[in-house]
Amino acid sequence: MLAPPRFSSGTTLLRVAAMPPLDAGLARLALVPVQRTAQGWCVAQGRFGLSRAPGHSRQWQFVHAGRLVQSGLPPDGNTSGSPPPDGWLALMVYPPAEQADLPMDVPWPGLQGPPPLAHQAGPPPNRKTGGRIRQALNGIRRWLQSAGAEDIEACLVPRQALQRLADRLPRPGPAPHHPEAAQAPTRVHLAVGSCQYPQGPLDSAPAQASLQRMAQRADQGELDLALFLGDQIYADATAGLVDPTRRDERYEIPHERAQRAPGMRRVLARLPSVMLLDDHELVDNWEPRPPGADPDLPLWRSRQDALCDGRWGYWKYERLRPQQRYQPLRDLADKAFRFAGLPIYLADTRMGRQTRSAATSSGTRHILSTCTNPSTPGQFEQLEDWLLQHKDEAKVVATPSLLLPRHAEGVQDRSDAGRSDAWDGYPASLDRLLDFLMRHQIQHTVFLSGDEHHALVCEATLAPPPIRQDRWKEVRLTSVHSSALYAPLPFANGHPADLSDQAFVTVGGTRVTMRTRCAPPGDGWARVSLTPGTGPGDLEVEFVKARPPQDGA
């Protein structure tokens, strides 16, 4: 699996995994160069990728992308004249003493039977690396002789995927003072998706069609980074009818099935990916318990359990950072980084939201956490600080919840606004964000979301209050909402009639006008293209609808 790149000064890191449970043991990851021949796949001359330490998920999944693909030299650096590898197999390598403890009852990624094993654990990167690799090669070669094409495809990271990422990100080595300024702006293509309803025994092809299409576009070099904005699993897939109650059946097994599905595996093997969580990783429309409510009532007790277990599953499987099950509520999923020079901010609008009830005024309800203490800023303060840092740049803010347009139900009757699960259900937050953009004249912001199972682009214009018209200019922003990757239940899908472009005025006096264009209904995802740097970024949006990939894709 190719998952989110880890951004750190001075080093380009690429996360690749073979998708066993992360706590399955003290395994090491080995990336083995292979070539396709007339006789099948074989180990090729090239650089091996090896984890740095066993048993630590924040280390054993990282290797240097650029060093793997440069020149195709063998580990000792000698030139052999052989063609470069066609790709690398991501294999877990276990020492013999540990193999008896592996959870063989758990299905492994695309493999029938036990996972690929070698007889020697992968070594740490030191002068003895070459000898340790040779000790492991016999077991790997034996597995290659018996493995089928489908098994190898499940573990194969194509050379082109590594090369594209190595070309996009800074080379390993000391980082310049401003690494983003040292690179010429290049077009960045984002795949934006969410809402992957679990497949059943008869719908595997349509369930995986969107992801297979995404992998196909990645193979064609048309995508650089995937953003999955929530509902990667449905812990409440039957809306309480026959949903499991055991923690492993409700959260762990769905995560493992989702990430081992063939479409997701193909995407994760080709694109660096970052994931946010939304309600269905917890429970439908989850929000905190209202003040004064009895925490021992079954409803709120079950929702607190859903928060603890669902958040734990998200960090373990989607962010690959296993944590203790009971974490403080401030342990949110926000993440800010640059990708190929493009600033991206992921804001967790699910776990950070505040409660809504008759006992709370609308002015105190926020979809992001807030804090007035400068030493411990909340989500809103961190997002605002980030927006100021990138004031005149093309930039992306991704949240699971739809920013704009607003829902027609709440526009017609403001008392119904609190029923919305999106930003307009928290009018104090929506007003605060839009007023902040106007007050600080922050341009060129693209908001991405993907919760409501319809595809749209909303172009919004913020006009200053009359008393500020001589000092402030109009601010323009774009809200892009992606359709569901797989949503087989029509009654759960959004419709254009649910939304309203009616203009409104924020509490700070900013006048907001909108123009929304909706794509045809159906499963799929959005391809969002921007050019990093100062200026609008020449935004392009394409809604890619699911269809079976062509033969050979």
Protein backbone atom coordinates (compact mmCIF):
# COMPACT_ATOMS: atom_id res chain seq x y z
CA MET A 1 0.00 0.00 0.00
CA LEU A 2 1.11 3.46 -0.78
CA ALA A 3 -0.32 5.75 1.87
CA PRO A 4 0.22 9.36 2.99
CA PRO A 5 3.73 10.69 2.49
CA ARG A 6 5.35 11.78 5.68
CA PHE A 7 6.53 15.33 5.23
CA SER A 8 9.65 16.28 7.18
CA SER A 9 12.41 18.72 6.55
CA GLY A 10 15.29 17.29 4.61
CA THR A 11 13.88 13.85 3.78
CA THR A 12 11.47 12.54 1.17
CA LEU A 13 9.62 9.54 2.59
CA LEU A 14 7.11 7.28 0.93
CA ARG A 15 4.88 4.93 2.89
CA VAL A 16 4.41 1.48 1.40
CA ALA A 17 2.88 -1.53 3.12
CA ALA A 18 1.61 -5.02 2.40
CA MET A 19 -1.47 -4.50 4.61
CA PRO A 20 -1.35 -7.07 7.38
CA PRO A 21 -2.75 -5.93 10.72
CA LEU A 22 -0.34 -3.31 12.00
CA ASP A 23 0.05 -5.08 15.33
CA ALA A 24 0.54 -8.52 13.80
CA GLY A 25 4.07 -8.74 15.14
CA LEU A 26 7.63 -7.56 14.72
CA ALA A 27 7.57 -7.75 10.95
CA ARG A 28 9.78 -5.73 8.65
CA LEU A 29 8.73 -4.41 5.29
CA ALA A 30 10.82 -5.46 2.30
CA LEU A 31 10.37 -3.82 -1.08
CA VAL A 32 11.73 -6.31 -3.57
CA PRO A 33 12.55 -5.22 -7.16
CA VAL A 34 10.95 -7.53 -9.73
CA GLN A 35 10.65 -7.87 -13.50
CA ARG A 36 8.04 -9.49 -15.70
CA THR A 37 9.54 -12.10 -18.02
CA ALA A 38 8.15 -14.66 -20.44
CA GLN A 39 8.43 -17.22 -17.64
CA GLY A 40 6.71 -14.98 -15.07
CA TRP A 41 7.89 -12.61 -12.38
CA CYS A 42 11.42 -12.82 -11.01
CA VAL A 43 13.63 -10.86 -8.62
CA ALA A 44 15.42 -8.11 -10.56
CA GLN A 45 18.61 -6.14 -10.17
CA GLY A 46 17.76 -2.97 -8.30
CA ARG A 47 17.61 -1.29 -4.96
CA PHE A 48 15.75 -2.97 -2.11
CA GLY A 49 13.58 -0.92 0.24
CA LEU A 50 13.82 -2.00 3.86
CA SER A 51 12.12 -0.78 6.99
CA ARG A 52 14.27 0.90 9.59
CA ALA A 53 12.91 -0.86 12.66
CA PRO A 54 10.51 -3.73 13.31
CA GLY A 55 7.22 -3.47 15.10
CA HIS A 56 6.87 0.32 15.02
CA SER A 57 4.21 1.41 12.54
CA ARG A 58 5.53 4.97 12.29
CA GLN A 59 8.88 3.69 11.08
CA TRP A 60 8.57 0.33 9.40
CA GLN A 61 6.35 1.61 6.60
CA PHE A 62 8.69 4.32 5.32
CA VAL A 63 11.28 4.06 2.56
CA HIS A 64 12.96 6.57 0.28
CA ALA A 65 11.09 6.74 -3.03
CA GLY A 66 13.80 8.61 -4.91
CA ARG A 67 16.54 6.21 -3.92
CA LEU A 68 14.57 3.20 -5.10
CA VAL A 69 13.96 4.44 -8.61
CA GLN A 70 17.27 6.16 -9.32
CA SER A 71 19.17 4.27 -12.01
CA GLY A 72 18.03 0.78 -10.96
CA LEU A 73 21.39 -0.11 -9.43
CA PRO A 74 21.74 -3.17 -7.21
CA PRO A 75 22.26 -2.64 -3.48
CA ASP A 76 26.06 -2.70 -3.76
CA GLY A 77 25.99 0.01 -6.46
CA ASN A 78 27.56 -2.10 -9.21
CA THR A 79 26.24 -1.56 -12.72
CA SER A 80 24.99 -4.74 -14.32
CA GLY A 81 23.49 -3.43 -17.54
CA SER A 82 20.14 -5.00 -16.64
CA PRO A 83 16.93 -3.09 -17.38
CA PRO A 84 15.35 -1.31 -14.42
CA PRO A 85 12.75 -3.17 -12.36
CA ASP A 86 9.11 -3.08 -13.48
CA GLY A 87 8.07 -2.53 -9.88
CA TRP A 88 8.58 -3.57 -6.29
CA LEU A 89 6.75 -6.23 -4.29
CA ALA A 90 5.74 -5.02 -0.83
CA LEU A 91 6.31 -8.12 1.31
CA MET A 92 6.25 -8.59 5.05
CA VAL A 93 9.30 -10.50 6.27
CA TYR A 94 9.03 -12.35 9.58
CA PRO A 95 11.70 -14.14 11.60
CA PRO A 96 11.02 -17.87 12.08
CA ALA A 97 10.31 -17.52 15.80
CA GLU A 98 7.44 -15.16 15.12
CA GLN A 99 5.63 -17.02 12.37
CA ALA A 100 3.75 -19.26 14.79
CA ASP A 101 2.03 -16.20 16.28
CA LEU A 102 0.70 -14.75 13.03
CA PRO A 103 -3.10 -14.34 12.88
CA MET A 104 -3.64 -16.77 10.02
CA ASP A 105 -7.42 -16.66 10.49
CA VAL A 106 -7.39 -13.08 9.17
CA PRO A 107 -7.64 -12.82 5.35
CA TRP A 108 -4.44 -11.42 3.85
CA PRO A 109 -4.25 -8.89 1.02
CA GLY A 110 -5.32 -10.59 -2.18
CA LEU A 111 -3.61 -13.80 -1.18
CA GLN A 112 -5.15 -17.23 -0.78
CA GLY A 113 -3.56 -18.80 2.26
CA PRO A 114 -0.76 -17.43 4.44
CA PRO A 115 1.10 -14.20 3.71
CA PRO A 116 4.39 -14.16 1.83
CA LEU A 117 7.12 -15.20 4.24
CA ALA A 118 10.87 -15.27 4.01
CA HIS A 119 13.21 -17.21 6.26
CA GLN A 120 15.12 -14.22 7.52
CA ALA A 121 13.93 -10.91 8.91
CA GLY A 122 14.86 -7.86 6.90
CA PRO A 123 17.95 -6.07 8.22
CA PRO A 124 18.42 -2.53 9.41
CA PRO A 125 20.14 -0.26 6.86
CA ASN A 126 23.81 -0.78 7.68
CA ARG A 127 26.91 -2.25 6.12
CA LYS A 128 25.57 -5.79 6.53
CA THR A 129 22.45 -5.08 4.51
CA GLY A 130 23.60 -6.93 1.40
CA GLY A 131 24.28 -10.19 3.25
CA ARG A 132 20.96 -10.10 5.09
CA ILE A 133 19.09 -9.46 1.84
CA ARG A 134 20.71 -12.48 0.23
CA GLN A 135 19.61 -14.61 3.16
CA ALA A 136 16.00 -13.55 2.58
CA LEU A 137 16.01 -13.93 -1.21
CA ASN A 138 15.64 -17.72 -1.22
CA GLY A 139 12.30 -17.55 0.58
CA ILE A 140 11.10 -14.69 -1.63
CA ARG A 141 12.09 -16.53 -4.82
CA ARG A 142 10.25 -19.65 -3.69
CA TRP A 143 7.14 -17.59 -3.08
CA LEU A 144 7.43 -16.02 -6.55
CA GLN A 145 7.56 -19.47 -8.15
CA SER A 146 4.27 -20.50 -6.56
CA ALA A 147 2.37 -17.20 -6.48
CA GLY A 148 -0.28 -16.46 -9.06
CA ALA A 149 -0.58 -13.27 -11.10
CA GLU A 150 -3.42 -12.00 -8.89
CA ASP A 151 -1.38 -12.50 -5.74
CA ILE A 152 1.58 -10.61 -7.19
CA GLU A 153 -0.63 -7.78 -8.42
CA ALA A 154 -1.95 -7.37 -4.88
CA CYS A 155 1.57 -6.72 -3.59
CA LEU A 156 3.04 -4.88 -6.59
CA VAL A 157 3.93 -1.20 -6.41
CA PRO A 158 4.52 -0.15 -10.07
CA ARG A 159 7.74 1.61 -10.93
CA GLN A 160 5.82 4.47 -12.53
CA ALA A 161 4.03 5.20 -9.24
CA LEU A 162 7.29 5.52 -7.34
CA GLN A 163 8.88 7.54 -10.12
CA ARG A 164 6.02 10.03 -10.23
CA LEU A 165 6.19 10.60 -6.50
CA ALA A 166 9.97 10.85 -6.49
CA ASP A 167 9.73 13.49 -9.24
CA ARG A 168 7.09 15.46 -7.32
CA LEU A 169 8.72 15.68 -3.92
CA PRO A 170 12.11 17.10 -2.84
CA ARG A 171 15.06 14.77 -3.14
CA PRO A 172 16.50 13.23 0.03
CA GLY A 173 19.12 15.47 1.55
CA PRO A 174 19.33 18.85 3.21
CA ALA A 175 16.22 20.89 2.45
CA PRO A 176 16.60 24.44 1.13
CA HIS A 177 15.38 27.28 3.32
CA HIS A 178 12.25 27.57 1.19
CA PRO A 179 11.91 24.22 -0.61
CA GLU A 180 8.64 25.18 -2.25
CA ALA A 181 10.27 28.24 -3.85
CA ALA A 182 13.14 26.18 -5.20
CA GLN A 183 10.85 24.16 -7.47
CA ALA A 184 9.16 25.40 -10.60
CA PRO A 185 5.35 25.28 -10.21
CA THR A 186 3.87 22.14 -11.70
CA ARG A 187 0.27 21.15 -12.18
CA VAL A 188 -1.01 19.09 -9.24
CA HIS A 189 -3.90 16.69 -9.82
CA LEU A 190 -5.89 15.56 -6.78
CA ALA A 191 -8.33 12.65 -6.64
CA VAL A 192 -11.10 13.50 -4.15
CA GLY A 193 -13.44 10.78 -2.97
CA SER A 194 -15.43 9.54 0.01
CA CYS A 195 -18.30 7.26 1.02
CA GLN A 196 -17.32 3.71 0.05
CA TYR A 197 -20.30 1.59 1.08
CA PRO A 198 -19.25 -2.02 1.82
CA GLN A 199 -19.70 -4.51 -0.97
CA GLY A 200 -21.78 -7.64 -0.66
CA PRO A 201 -21.35 -11.07 -2.23
CA LEU A 202 -23.01 -10.03 -5.52
CA ASP A 203 -21.88 -6.44 -6.11
CA SER A 204 -18.08 -6.53 -5.99
CA ALA A 205 -17.66 -5.12 -9.53
CA PRO A 206 -19.84 -2.00 -9.11
CA ALA A 207 -18.58 -1.49 -5.56
CA GLN A 208 -14.97 -1.29 -6.76
CA ALA A 209 -15.63 0.48 -10.07
CA SER A 210 -14.84 4.02 -8.84
CA LEU A 211 -11.58 2.94 -7.22
CA GLN A 212 -10.57 0.88 -10.24
CA ARG A 213 -11.20 3.91 -12.42
CA MET A 214 -9.06 6.01 -10.09
CA ALA A 215 -6.23 3.48 -10.31
CA GLN A 216 -6.53 3.46 -14.10
CA ARG A 217 -6.19 7.25 -14.25
CA ALA A 218 -3.20 7.03 -11.91
CA ASP A 219 -1.54 4.52 -14.26
CA GLN A 220 -1.99 7.05 -17.05
CA GLY A 221 -0.10 9.65 -15.00
CA GLU A 222 -3.18 11.86 -14.52
CA LEU A 223 -3.25 11.85 -10.71
CA ASP A 224 -0.70 12.80 -8.06
CA LEU A 225 -2.41 12.58 -4.67
CA ALA A 226 -5.63 10.99 -3.35
CA LEU A 227 -7.73 12.63 -0.64
CA PHE A 228 -10.33 10.36 0.96
CA LEU A 229 -12.61 12.65 2.96
CA GLY A 230 -14.56 10.28 5.16
CA ASP A 231 -16.81 7.24 5.35
CA GLN A 232 -14.13 4.84 4.16
CA ILE A 233 -16.12 2.26 6.17
CA TYR A 234 -19.73 2.05 7.33
CA ALA A 235 -19.74 0.81 10.92
CA ASP A 236 -23.53 1.26 10.82
CA ALA A 237 -24.14 -0.17 7.36
CA THR A 238 -27.63 -1.46 8.18
CA ALA A 239 -28.71 1.62 10.21
CA GLY A 240 -29.02 -0.44 13.36
CA LEU A 241 -31.05 -3.25 11.85
CA VAL A 242 -28.40 -5.99 12.07
CA ASP A 243 -25.27 -3.96 12.78
CA PRO A 244 -22.70 -5.87 14.85
CA THR A 245 -22.08 -4.77 18.42
CA ARG A 246 -18.68 -6.36 18.99
CA ARG A 247 -15.79 -3.95 18.53
CA ASP A 248 -13.81 -6.15 16.17
CA GLU A 249 -16.81 -6.90 13.94
CA ARG A 250 -17.99 -3.27 13.87
CA TYR A 251 -14.69 -1.41 13.38
CA GLU A 252 -11.65 -3.64 12.85
CA ILE A 253 -12.93 -6.14 10.29
CA PRO A 254 -14.64 -3.48 8.11
CA HIS A 255 -11.40 -1.47 7.99
CA GLU A 256 -9.36 -4.49 6.99
CA ARG A 257 -11.87 -5.54 4.33
CA ALA A 258 -12.08 -2.00 2.94
CA GLN A 259 -8.33 -1.55 2.59
CA ARG A 260 -7.81 -5.02 1.14
CA ALA A 261 -10.49 -4.67 -1.51
CA PRO A 262 -8.88 -4.86 -4.97
CA GLY A 263 -9.82 -1.36 -6.07
CA MET A 264 -8.51 0.31 -2.93
CA ARG A 265 -5.32 -1.76 -3.05
CA ARG A 266 -4.66 -0.65 -6.63
CA VAL A 267 -5.16 3.00 -5.71
CA LEU A 268 -2.99 2.81 -2.60
CA ALA A 269 -0.23 1.10 -4.58
CA ARG A 270 -0.17 3.95 -7.09
CA LEU A 271 -0.95 7.15 -5.23
CA PRO A 272 0.10 8.70 -1.95
CA SER A 273 -3.14 8.99 -0.02
CA VAL A 274 -4.44 10.87 3.01
CA MET A 275 -7.68 10.04 4.80
CA LEU A 276 -10.09 11.95 7.04
CA LEU A 277 -12.90 10.35 9.00
CA ASP A 278 -16.58 11.20 9.10
CA ASP A 279 -19.67 9.94 10.86
CA HIS A 280 -19.90 6.41 9.47
CA GLU A 281 -16.48 5.56 10.88
CA LEU A 282 -18.25 6.20 14.21
CA VAL A 283 -22.06 6.19 13.85
CA ASP A 284 -24.46 8.07 11.57
CA ASN A 285 -24.47 11.84 12.23
CA TRP A 286 -22.33 11.52 15.34
CA GLU A 287 -21.99 14.63 17.50
CA PRO A 288 -21.12 15.18 21.19
CA ARG A 289 -23.50 14.61 24.05
CA PRO A 290 -25.52 17.72 24.99
CA PRO A 291 -24.72 19.34 28.34
CA GLY A 292 -26.87 18.01 31.12
CA ALA A 293 -27.73 14.76 29.34
CA ASP A 294 -27.33 11.64 31.45
CA PRO A 295 -24.12 9.92 30.26
CA ASP A 296 -25.49 6.57 31.43
CA LEU A 297 -28.44 6.64 29.05
CA PRO A 298 -28.00 3.89 26.42
CA LEU A 299 -28.02 6.39 23.54
CA TRP A 300 -25.13 8.50 24.85
CA ARG A 301 -23.22 5.58 26.33
CA SER A 302 -23.27 3.83 22.95
CA ARG A 303 -22.22 7.04 21.18
CA GLN A 304 -19.28 7.50 23.54
CA ASP A 305 -18.23 3.90 22.86
CA ALA A 306 -18.55 4.60 19.12
CA LEU A 307 -16.26 7.62 19.47
CA CYS A 308 -13.58 5.70 21.37
CA ASP A 309 -13.64 2.61 19.16
CA GLY A 310 -14.21 4.38 15.84
CA ARG A 311 -11.49 6.94 16.46
CA TRP A 312 -9.10 4.16 17.45
CA GLY A 313 -9.87 2.28 14.23
CA TYR A 314 -9.36 5.41 12.14
CA TRP A 315 -5.94 6.17 13.58
CA LYS A 316 -4.83 2.56 13.32
CA TYR A 317 -5.99 1.73 9.80
CA GLU A 318 -6.48 4.99 7.92
CA ARG A 319 -3.61 7.02 9.38
CA LEU A 320 -1.39 4.05 10.35
CA ARG A 321 -0.75 5.43 13.84
CA PRO A 322 -2.05 2.89 16.36
CA GLN A 323 -2.99 4.55 19.65
CA GLN A 324 -4.44 3.64 22.97
CA ARG A 325 -8.17 3.20 22.68
CA TYR A 326 -9.08 5.97 25.10
CA GLN A 327 -7.57 9.23 23.93
CA PRO A 328 -8.44 12.81 24.87
CA LEU A 329 -11.01 14.55 22.68
CA ARG A 330 -8.34 16.93 21.41
CA ASP A 331 -6.80 14.04 19.48
CA LEU A 332 -8.25 15.26 16.19
CA ALA A 333 -7.40 14.36 12.61
CA ASP A 334 -6.33 17.81 11.35
CA LYS A 335 -3.26 17.86 9.13
CA ALA A 336 -1.47 20.65 7.24
CA PHE A 337 1.20 19.97 4.62
CA ARG A 338 2.49 20.88 1.18
CA PHE A 339 2.34 18.51 -1.73
CA ALA A 340 4.49 19.45 -4.72
CA GLY A 341 4.29 23.05 -3.56
CA LEU A 342 0.50 23.08 -3.07
CA PRO A 343 -0.63 23.98 0.50
CA ILE A 344 -3.27 21.55 1.77
CA TYR A 345 -5.15 21.65 5.07
CA LEU A 346 -7.30 18.76 6.27
CA ALA A 347 -9.82 19.84 8.93
CA ASP A 348 -11.67 17.28 11.04
CA THR A 349 -15.26 18.56 11.15
CA ARG A 350 -16.54 15.43 12.88
CA MET A 351 -14.68 14.89 16.15
CA GLY A 352 -14.06 18.60 16.68
CA ARG A 353 -17.68 19.74 16.41
CA GLN A 354 -19.57 20.99 19.41
CA THR A 355 -22.92 19.85 20.67
CA ARG A 356 -26.25 21.25 19.46
CA SER A 357 -29.28 21.24 21.71
CA ALA A 358 -32.01 23.48 23.04
CA ALA A 359 -29.68 24.33 25.91
CA THR A 360 -26.97 25.79 23.63
CA SER A 361 -27.30 29.02 21.68
CA SER A 362 -26.59 29.00 17.95
CA GLY A 363 -23.69 31.41 18.50
CA THR A 364 -21.79 28.85 20.59
CA ARG A 365 -22.16 25.89 18.24
CA HIS A 366 -19.12 25.33 16.07
CA ILE A 367 -18.20 22.60 13.60
CA LEU A 368 -14.51 23.04 14.51
CA SER A 369 -13.21 23.32 18.05
CA THR A 370 -12.37 26.79 19.32
CA CYS A 371 -10.18 28.14 22.10
CA THR A 372 -9.46 31.66 23.34
CA ASN A 373 -6.15 30.68 24.97
CA PRO A 374 -3.28 31.54 22.55
CA SER A 375 -1.08 28.83 24.07
CA THR A 376 -3.56 26.09 23.15
CA PRO A 377 -5.29 27.15 19.91
CA GLY A 378 -8.32 25.23 18.75
CA GLN A 379 -9.01 23.95 15.26
CA PHE A 380 -10.48 27.24 14.13
CA GLU A 381 -7.50 29.25 15.32
CA GLN A 382 -5.06 26.86 13.65
CA LEU A 383 -6.98 26.97 10.37
CA GLU A 384 -7.12 30.77 10.44
CA ASP A 385 -3.38 30.99 11.11
CA TRP A 386 -2.73 28.64 8.18
CA LEU A 387 -4.95 30.69 5.88
CA LEU A 388 -3.01 33.83 6.77
CA GLN A 389 0.29 32.09 6.00
CA HIS A 390 -0.96 31.25 2.49
CA LYS A 391 -3.09 34.34 1.96
CA ASP A 392 -2.32 34.95 -1.73
CA GLU A 393 -1.51 31.38 -2.80
CA ALA A 394 -3.68 28.81 -4.47
CA LYS A 395 -4.58 26.44 -1.62
CA VAL A 396 -6.91 23.62 -0.63
CA VAL A 397 -8.95 23.17 2.55
CA ALA A 398 -10.53 19.72 2.77
CA THR A 399 -13.31 18.85 5.21
CA PRO A 400 -15.79 15.97 5.17
CA SER A 401 -18.71 18.42 5.54
CA LEU A 402 -20.04 20.56 2.70
CA LEU A 403 -19.16 24.26 3.03
CA LEU A 404 -21.40 25.82 0.34
CA PRO A 405 -24.10 25.97 -0.94
CA ARG A 406 -26.51 25.88 1.98
CA HIS A 407 -29.42 23.48 2.27
CA ALA A 408 -32.81 24.69 1.07
CA GLU A 409 -34.57 23.42 4.19
CA GLY A 410 -32.53 25.67 6.47
CA VAL A 411 -32.75 28.63 4.10
CA GLN A 412 -36.55 28.50 4.09
CA ASP A 413 -36.81 28.06 7.86
CA ARG A 414 -33.76 28.98 9.96
CA SER A 415 -35.08 26.80 12.80
CA ASP A 416 -34.36 23.79 10.57
CA ALA A 417 -30.71 24.75 9.99
CA GLY A 418 -29.63 22.77 13.05
CA ARG A 419 -30.73 19.58 11.33
CA SER A 420 -28.02 19.91 8.70
CA ASP A 421 -24.84 17.90 9.20
CA ALA A 422 -22.84 20.35 7.06
CA TRP A 423 -21.35 23.80 7.74
CA ASP A 424 -24.73 25.54 7.42
CA GLY A 425 -25.90 23.47 10.39
CA TYR A 426 -23.38 25.51 12.37
CA PRO A 427 -24.12 29.06 11.18
CA ALA A 428 -21.72 30.61 13.70
CA SER A 429 -18.86 28.62 12.14
CA LEU A 430 -19.89 29.39 8.57
CA ASP A 431 -20.16 33.11 9.33
CA ARG A 432 -16.86 33.17 11.21
CA LEU A 433 -14.96 31.52 8.36
CA LEU A 434 -16.45 33.68 5.60
CA ASP A 435 -16.00 36.88 7.62
CA PHE A 436 -12.38 35.91 8.30
CA LEU A 437 -11.71 35.41 4.58
CA MET A 438 -13.24 38.80 3.84
CA ARG A 439 -11.59 40.70 6.70
CA HIS A 440 -8.11 39.43 5.78
CA GLN A 441 -8.73 39.47 2.01
CA ILE A 442 -7.75 35.82 1.60
CA GLN A 443 -8.12 34.75 -2.02
CA HIS A 444 -7.70 31.59 -4.09
CA THR A 445 -9.12 29.06 -1.59
CA VAL A 446 -10.64 25.80 -2.82
CA PHE A 447 -12.78 23.92 -0.29
CA LEU A 448 -13.19 20.18 -0.88
CA SER A 449 -15.80 17.92 0.72
CA GLY A 450 -17.58 14.65 0.07
CA ASP A 451 -20.32 13.61 2.47
CA GLU A 452 -23.66 14.04 0.74
CA HIS A 453 -23.48 11.73 -2.28
CA HIS A 454 -23.78 14.32 -5.03
CA ALA A 455 -21.24 16.16 -7.17
CA LEU A 456 -21.16 19.94 -7.52
CA VAL A 457 -19.02 23.02 -7.92
CA CYS A 458 -20.15 26.16 -6.07
CA GLU A 459 -18.48 29.44 -6.98
CA ALA A 460 -19.01 31.96 -4.17
CA THR A 461 -18.33 35.69 -4.12
CA LEU A 462 -17.92 37.51 -0.82
CA ALA A 463 -18.73 41.23 -0.99
CA PRO A 464 -17.60 43.58 1.80
CA PRO A 465 -20.01 45.38 4.09
CA PRO A 466 -21.03 48.85 2.80
CA ILE A 467 -18.83 50.64 5.34
CA ARG A 468 -15.77 48.71 4.08
CA GLN A 469 -16.32 48.89 0.34
CA ASP A 470 -13.64 51.54 -0.11
CA ARG A 471 -10.99 49.38 1.62
CA TRP A 472 -11.90 45.77 0.92
CA LYS A 473 -12.21 43.98 -2.39
CA GLU A 474 -14.42 41.06 -3.25
CA VAL A 475 -13.13 37.63 -2.23
CA ARG A 476 -13.85 34.59 -4.36
CA LEU A 477 -13.75 30.97 -3.29
CA THR A 478 -14.80 27.64 -4.74
CA SER A 479 -16.50 24.75 -2.96
CA VAL A 480 -16.16 21.35 -4.67
CA HIS A 481 -18.22 18.43 -3.42
CA SER A 482 -17.51 14.91 -4.68
CA SER A 483 -20.05 12.19 -5.29
CA ALA A 484 -19.86 8.93 -3.36
CA LEU A 485 -17.39 6.30 -4.48
CA TYR A 486 -20.11 3.68 -4.01
CA ALA A 487 -23.61 4.48 -2.76
CA PRO A 488 -26.05 1.72 -3.75
CA LEU A 489 -28.98 3.07 -1.67
CA PRO A 490 -30.71 5.81 -3.72
CA PHE A 491 -32.64 7.24 -0.77
CA ALA A 492 -29.31 8.14 0.92
CA ASN A 493 -28.08 10.25 -1.98
CA GLY A 494 -28.24 14.03 -2.14
CA HIS A 495 -30.20 15.88 -4.84
CA PRO A 496 -29.75 19.34 -6.37
CA ALA A 497 -33.20 20.30 -5.08
CA ASP A 498 -31.88 19.91 -1.53
CA LEU A 499 -29.57 22.92 -2.02
CA SER A 500 -30.09 26.66 -2.37
CA ASP A 501 -28.06 29.42 -4.01
CA GLN A 502 -30.03 32.13 -2.24
CA ALA A 503 -27.72 34.97 -1.20
CA PHE A 504 -27.25 35.74 2.48
CA VAL A 505 -25.40 38.12 4.77
CA THR A 506 -23.13 36.90 7.56
CA VAL A 507 -23.18 38.26 11.08
CA GLY A 508 -20.13 40.36 10.15
CA GLY A 509 -21.90 41.98 7.22
CA THR A 510 -20.29 39.97 4.42
CA ARG A 511 -22.73 39.44 1.54
CA VAL A 512 -22.43 35.97 0.01
CA THR A 513 -23.65 35.15 -3.48
CA MET A 514 -23.28 31.76 -5.11
CA ARG A 515 -23.59 29.91 -8.39
CA THR A 516 -23.77 26.12 -8.15
CA ARG A 517 -23.42 23.63 -10.98
CA CYS A 518 -24.22 19.98 -10.36
CA ALA A 519 -22.86 16.97 -12.21
CA PRO A 520 -25.09 14.09 -13.28
CA PRO A 521 -25.92 11.62 -10.51
CA GLY A 522 -23.96 8.43 -10.02
CA ASP A 523 -20.97 7.02 -8.21
CA GLY A 524 -17.54 8.47 -8.84
CA TRP A 525 -14.97 10.98 -7.62
CA ALA A 526 -13.58 14.41 -8.45
CA ARG A 527 -10.30 15.24 -10.16
CA VAL A 528 -9.20 18.67 -8.95
CA SER A 529 -6.23 20.31 -10.71
CA LEU A 530 -4.30 23.36 -9.50
CA THR A 531 -1.02 25.09 -10.23
CA PRO A 532 0.81 25.92 -6.98
CA GLY A 533 2.08 29.42 -6.32
CA THR A 534 0.77 32.94 -5.97
CA GLY A 535 -2.43 33.49 -7.92
CA PRO A 536 -5.69 31.67 -8.61
CA GLY A 537 -4.07 28.37 -9.60
CA ASP A 538 -6.20 27.94 -12.75
CA LEU A 539 -8.60 25.54 -11.05
CA GLU A 540 -10.04 22.71 -13.14
CA VAL A 541 -12.60 20.20 -11.84
CA GLU A 542 -13.59 16.97 -13.55
CA PHE A 543 -16.16 14.58 -12.12
CA VAL A 544 -15.09 11.07 -13.04
CA LYS A 545 -17.97 8.64 -12.99
CA ALA A 546 -17.53 5.00 -12.11
CA ARG A 547 -17.42 2.49 -14.88
CA PRO A 548 -15.68 -0.87 -15.27
CA PRO A 549 -12.05 -0.34 -16.30
CA GLN A 550 -11.01 -1.36 -19.77
CA ASP A 551 -9.46 -4.74 -20.34
CA GLY A 552 -5.89 -4.81 -19.18
CA ALA A 553 -6.27 -1.72 -16.97
